[in-house]
N, C-alpha and C. Protein backbone atom coordinates (compact mmCIF):
# COMPACT_ATOMS: atom_id res chain seq x y z
N UNK A 1 92.03 -68.35 -93.87
CA UNK A 1 92.29 -69.48 -92.76
C UNK A 1 93.86 -69.32 -92.43
N UNK A 2 94.15 -69.58 -91.23
CA UNK A 2 95.35 -69.74 -90.47
C UNK A 2 96.11 -71.02 -90.84
N UNK A 3 97.25 -71.09 -91.17
CA UNK A 3 97.98 -72.09 -91.28
C UNK A 3 97.89 -72.94 -90.18
N UNK A 4 98.08 -74.33 -89.95
CA UNK A 4 98.35 -75.01 -88.85
C UNK A 4 99.64 -74.89 -88.18
N UNK A 5 99.89 -74.99 -86.98
CA UNK A 5 101.05 -74.73 -86.31
C UNK A 5 101.34 -76.33 -85.44
N UNK A 6 102.69 -76.60 -85.75
CA UNK A 6 102.96 -78.11 -85.09
C UNK A 6 104.13 -77.86 -84.41
N UNK A 7 103.99 -78.10 -83.05
CA UNK A 7 105.24 -77.95 -82.38
C UNK A 7 106.00 -79.29 -82.26
N UNK A 8 107.40 -79.41 -82.38
CA UNK A 8 108.15 -80.64 -82.56
C UNK A 8 109.42 -80.26 -81.90
N UNK A 9 109.94 -81.09 -81.95
CA UNK A 9 111.69 -81.12 -81.23
C UNK A 9 112.56 -80.89 -82.40
N UNK A 10 113.46 -80.07 -82.46
CA UNK A 10 114.26 -80.05 -83.50
C UNK A 10 115.19 -81.28 -83.83
N UNK A 11 115.72 -81.38 -85.42
CA UNK A 11 116.29 -82.59 -85.65
C UNK A 11 117.48 -82.10 -85.92
N UNK A 12 118.56 -83.21 -86.12
CA UNK A 12 119.88 -83.06 -86.22
C UNK A 12 120.26 -82.46 -87.40
N UNK A 13 119.30 -82.27 -88.37
CA UNK A 13 119.85 -81.34 -89.59
C UNK A 13 119.02 -79.89 -89.75
N UNK A 14 118.77 -79.61 -88.52
CA UNK A 14 118.27 -78.19 -88.16
C UNK A 14 119.24 -77.48 -87.50
N UNK A 15 120.42 -77.67 -87.43
CA UNK A 15 121.29 -76.99 -86.50
C UNK A 15 121.58 -75.55 -86.83
N UNK A 16 121.68 -75.30 -88.35
CA UNK A 16 121.92 -73.83 -88.58
C UNK A 16 120.79 -73.11 -88.54
N UNK A 17 119.51 -73.67 -88.59
CA UNK A 17 118.10 -72.64 -88.60
C UNK A 17 118.07 -72.52 -86.89
N UNK A 18 118.33 -73.57 -86.01
CA UNK A 18 118.43 -73.30 -84.61
C UNK A 18 119.29 -72.10 -84.41
N UNK A 19 120.41 -72.35 -84.72
CA UNK A 19 121.65 -71.28 -84.27
C UNK A 19 120.94 -69.89 -84.72
N UNK A 20 120.58 -69.90 -85.73
CA UNK A 20 120.11 -68.55 -86.41
C UNK A 20 118.98 -68.13 -85.70
N UNK A 21 117.94 -68.91 -85.31
CA UNK A 21 116.90 -68.33 -84.30
C UNK A 21 117.27 -67.85 -82.98
N UNK A 22 118.32 -68.81 -82.35
CA UNK A 22 118.91 -68.38 -81.13
C UNK A 22 119.38 -66.97 -81.20
N UNK A 23 120.41 -66.74 -82.37
CA UNK A 23 120.96 -65.73 -82.40
C UNK A 23 120.13 -64.39 -82.65
N UNK A 24 119.00 -64.64 -83.16
CA UNK A 24 117.97 -63.44 -83.57
C UNK A 24 117.27 -63.01 -82.43
N UNK A 25 117.23 -64.12 -81.26
CA UNK A 25 116.50 -63.36 -80.13
C UNK A 25 117.14 -62.49 -79.50
N UNK A 26 116.46 -61.49 -78.81
CA UNK A 26 116.88 -60.36 -77.87
C UNK A 26 117.46 -60.77 -76.74
N UNK A 27 118.33 -60.08 -76.01
CA UNK A 27 119.12 -60.25 -74.89
C UNK A 27 117.77 -60.18 -73.78
N UNK A 28 116.70 -59.55 -74.11
CA UNK A 28 115.48 -59.48 -73.11
C UNK A 28 114.65 -60.94 -73.15
N UNK A 29 114.94 -61.70 -73.87
CA UNK A 29 114.54 -63.17 -73.92
C UNK A 29 115.35 -64.19 -73.82
N UNK A 30 116.15 -64.20 -72.67
CA UNK A 30 117.36 -65.11 -72.58
C UNK A 30 116.82 -66.53 -72.66
N UNK A 31 115.53 -66.94 -72.40
CA UNK A 31 115.27 -68.29 -72.46
C UNK A 31 114.43 -68.75 -73.53
N UNK A 32 114.37 -67.90 -74.55
CA UNK A 32 113.84 -68.56 -75.67
C UNK A 32 114.09 -69.89 -75.84
N UNK A 33 115.22 -70.26 -75.78
CA UNK A 33 115.63 -71.80 -75.91
C UNK A 33 116.15 -72.36 -74.56
N UNK A 34 115.39 -73.08 -74.03
CA UNK A 34 115.76 -73.74 -72.68
C UNK A 34 116.50 -74.98 -72.98
N UNK A 35 117.43 -74.90 -72.04
CA UNK A 35 118.58 -75.86 -71.67
C UNK A 35 119.67 -75.84 -72.91
N UNK A 36 119.46 -74.77 -73.56
CA UNK A 36 120.96 -74.48 -74.52
C UNK A 36 121.83 -73.54 -73.68
N UNK A 37 123.15 -73.98 -74.04
CA UNK A 37 124.21 -72.84 -73.36
C UNK A 37 125.00 -72.60 -74.65
N UNK A 38 125.38 -71.07 -74.92
CA UNK A 38 126.34 -70.97 -75.73
C UNK A 38 127.38 -71.66 -76.07
N UNK A 39 127.53 -72.13 -77.38
CA UNK A 39 128.75 -73.00 -77.38
C UNK A 39 128.44 -74.70 -77.66
N UNK A 40 127.27 -74.90 -76.95
CA UNK A 40 126.89 -76.24 -76.73
C UNK A 40 126.89 -77.07 -78.06
N UNK A 41 127.60 -78.14 -78.29
CA UNK A 41 127.42 -79.03 -79.33
C UNK A 41 125.85 -79.04 -79.54
N UNK A 42 125.65 -79.10 -80.85
CA UNK A 42 123.77 -79.50 -81.27
C UNK A 42 123.35 -80.73 -80.46
N UNK A 43 124.22 -81.59 -81.01
CA UNK A 43 123.98 -83.18 -80.38
C UNK A 43 123.58 -83.32 -79.01
N UNK A 44 124.38 -82.50 -78.34
CA UNK A 44 124.20 -82.63 -76.92
C UNK A 44 122.88 -81.67 -76.27
N UNK A 45 122.82 -80.86 -77.00
CA UNK A 45 121.34 -80.02 -76.68
C UNK A 45 120.24 -80.86 -77.28
N UNK A 46 120.25 -81.64 -78.41
CA UNK A 46 119.17 -82.72 -78.58
C UNK A 46 119.08 -83.59 -77.51
N UNK A 47 120.26 -84.32 -76.81
CA UNK A 47 120.24 -85.07 -76.04
C UNK A 47 119.58 -84.58 -74.64
N UNK A 48 119.93 -83.24 -74.43
CA UNK A 48 119.27 -82.79 -73.14
C UNK A 48 117.81 -82.40 -73.41
N UNK A 49 117.17 -82.24 -74.55
CA UNK A 49 115.90 -81.97 -74.66
C UNK A 49 115.15 -83.64 -74.71
N UNK A 50 115.74 -84.62 -75.16
CA UNK A 50 115.59 -86.05 -74.99
C UNK A 50 115.23 -86.43 -73.61
N UNK A 51 116.44 -85.92 -72.64
CA UNK A 51 116.31 -86.08 -71.34
C UNK A 51 115.05 -85.39 -70.60
N UNK A 52 114.78 -84.33 -70.96
CA UNK A 52 113.46 -83.60 -70.22
C UNK A 52 112.42 -84.36 -70.73
N UNK A 53 112.35 -84.61 -71.99
CA UNK A 53 110.98 -85.38 -72.32
C UNK A 53 110.82 -86.73 -71.58
N UNK A 54 111.93 -87.36 -71.11
CA UNK A 54 111.80 -88.74 -70.41
C UNK A 54 111.91 -88.46 -68.93
N UNK A 55 111.78 -86.93 -68.39
CA UNK A 55 111.90 -86.68 -67.08
C UNK A 55 113.08 -86.60 -66.49
N UNK A 56 114.18 -86.68 -67.06
CA UNK A 56 115.54 -86.81 -66.53
C UNK A 56 115.92 -85.54 -66.61
N UNK A 57 116.50 -85.00 -65.35
CA UNK A 57 117.21 -83.62 -65.13
C UNK A 57 116.24 -82.47 -65.30
N UNK A 58 114.89 -82.65 -64.84
CA UNK A 58 114.08 -81.49 -65.28
C UNK A 58 114.38 -80.53 -64.44
N UNK A 59 114.51 -79.34 -64.99
CA UNK A 59 114.71 -77.99 -63.98
C UNK A 59 113.42 -77.78 -63.14
N UNK A 60 113.80 -77.11 -61.98
CA UNK A 60 112.87 -76.91 -60.94
C UNK A 60 111.65 -75.89 -61.77
N UNK A 61 110.16 -76.26 -61.64
CA UNK A 61 109.07 -75.39 -62.31
C UNK A 61 108.97 -75.66 -63.66
N UNK A 62 109.42 -76.74 -64.27
CA UNK A 62 109.42 -77.29 -65.49
C UNK A 62 109.01 -78.64 -65.47
N UNK A 63 107.95 -78.88 -66.42
CA UNK A 63 107.57 -80.63 -66.40
C UNK A 63 107.91 -81.09 -67.79
N UNK A 64 108.03 -82.38 -67.78
CA UNK A 64 108.66 -83.18 -69.04
C UNK A 64 107.75 -82.95 -70.18
């Protein structure tokens, strides 16, 4: 039996794991983490995700 997969937003206490996953991705997949730019404070990234969820500043071809 396959384990259940749950998709959710990252939380403030997961910054280290987030950055580790971001650094582990290959240059061929630059959009593995949408709306994050290198060096961005993690709290700012979480705010950007919250904005996306509310439909604020949604990039073209993306949906909230």
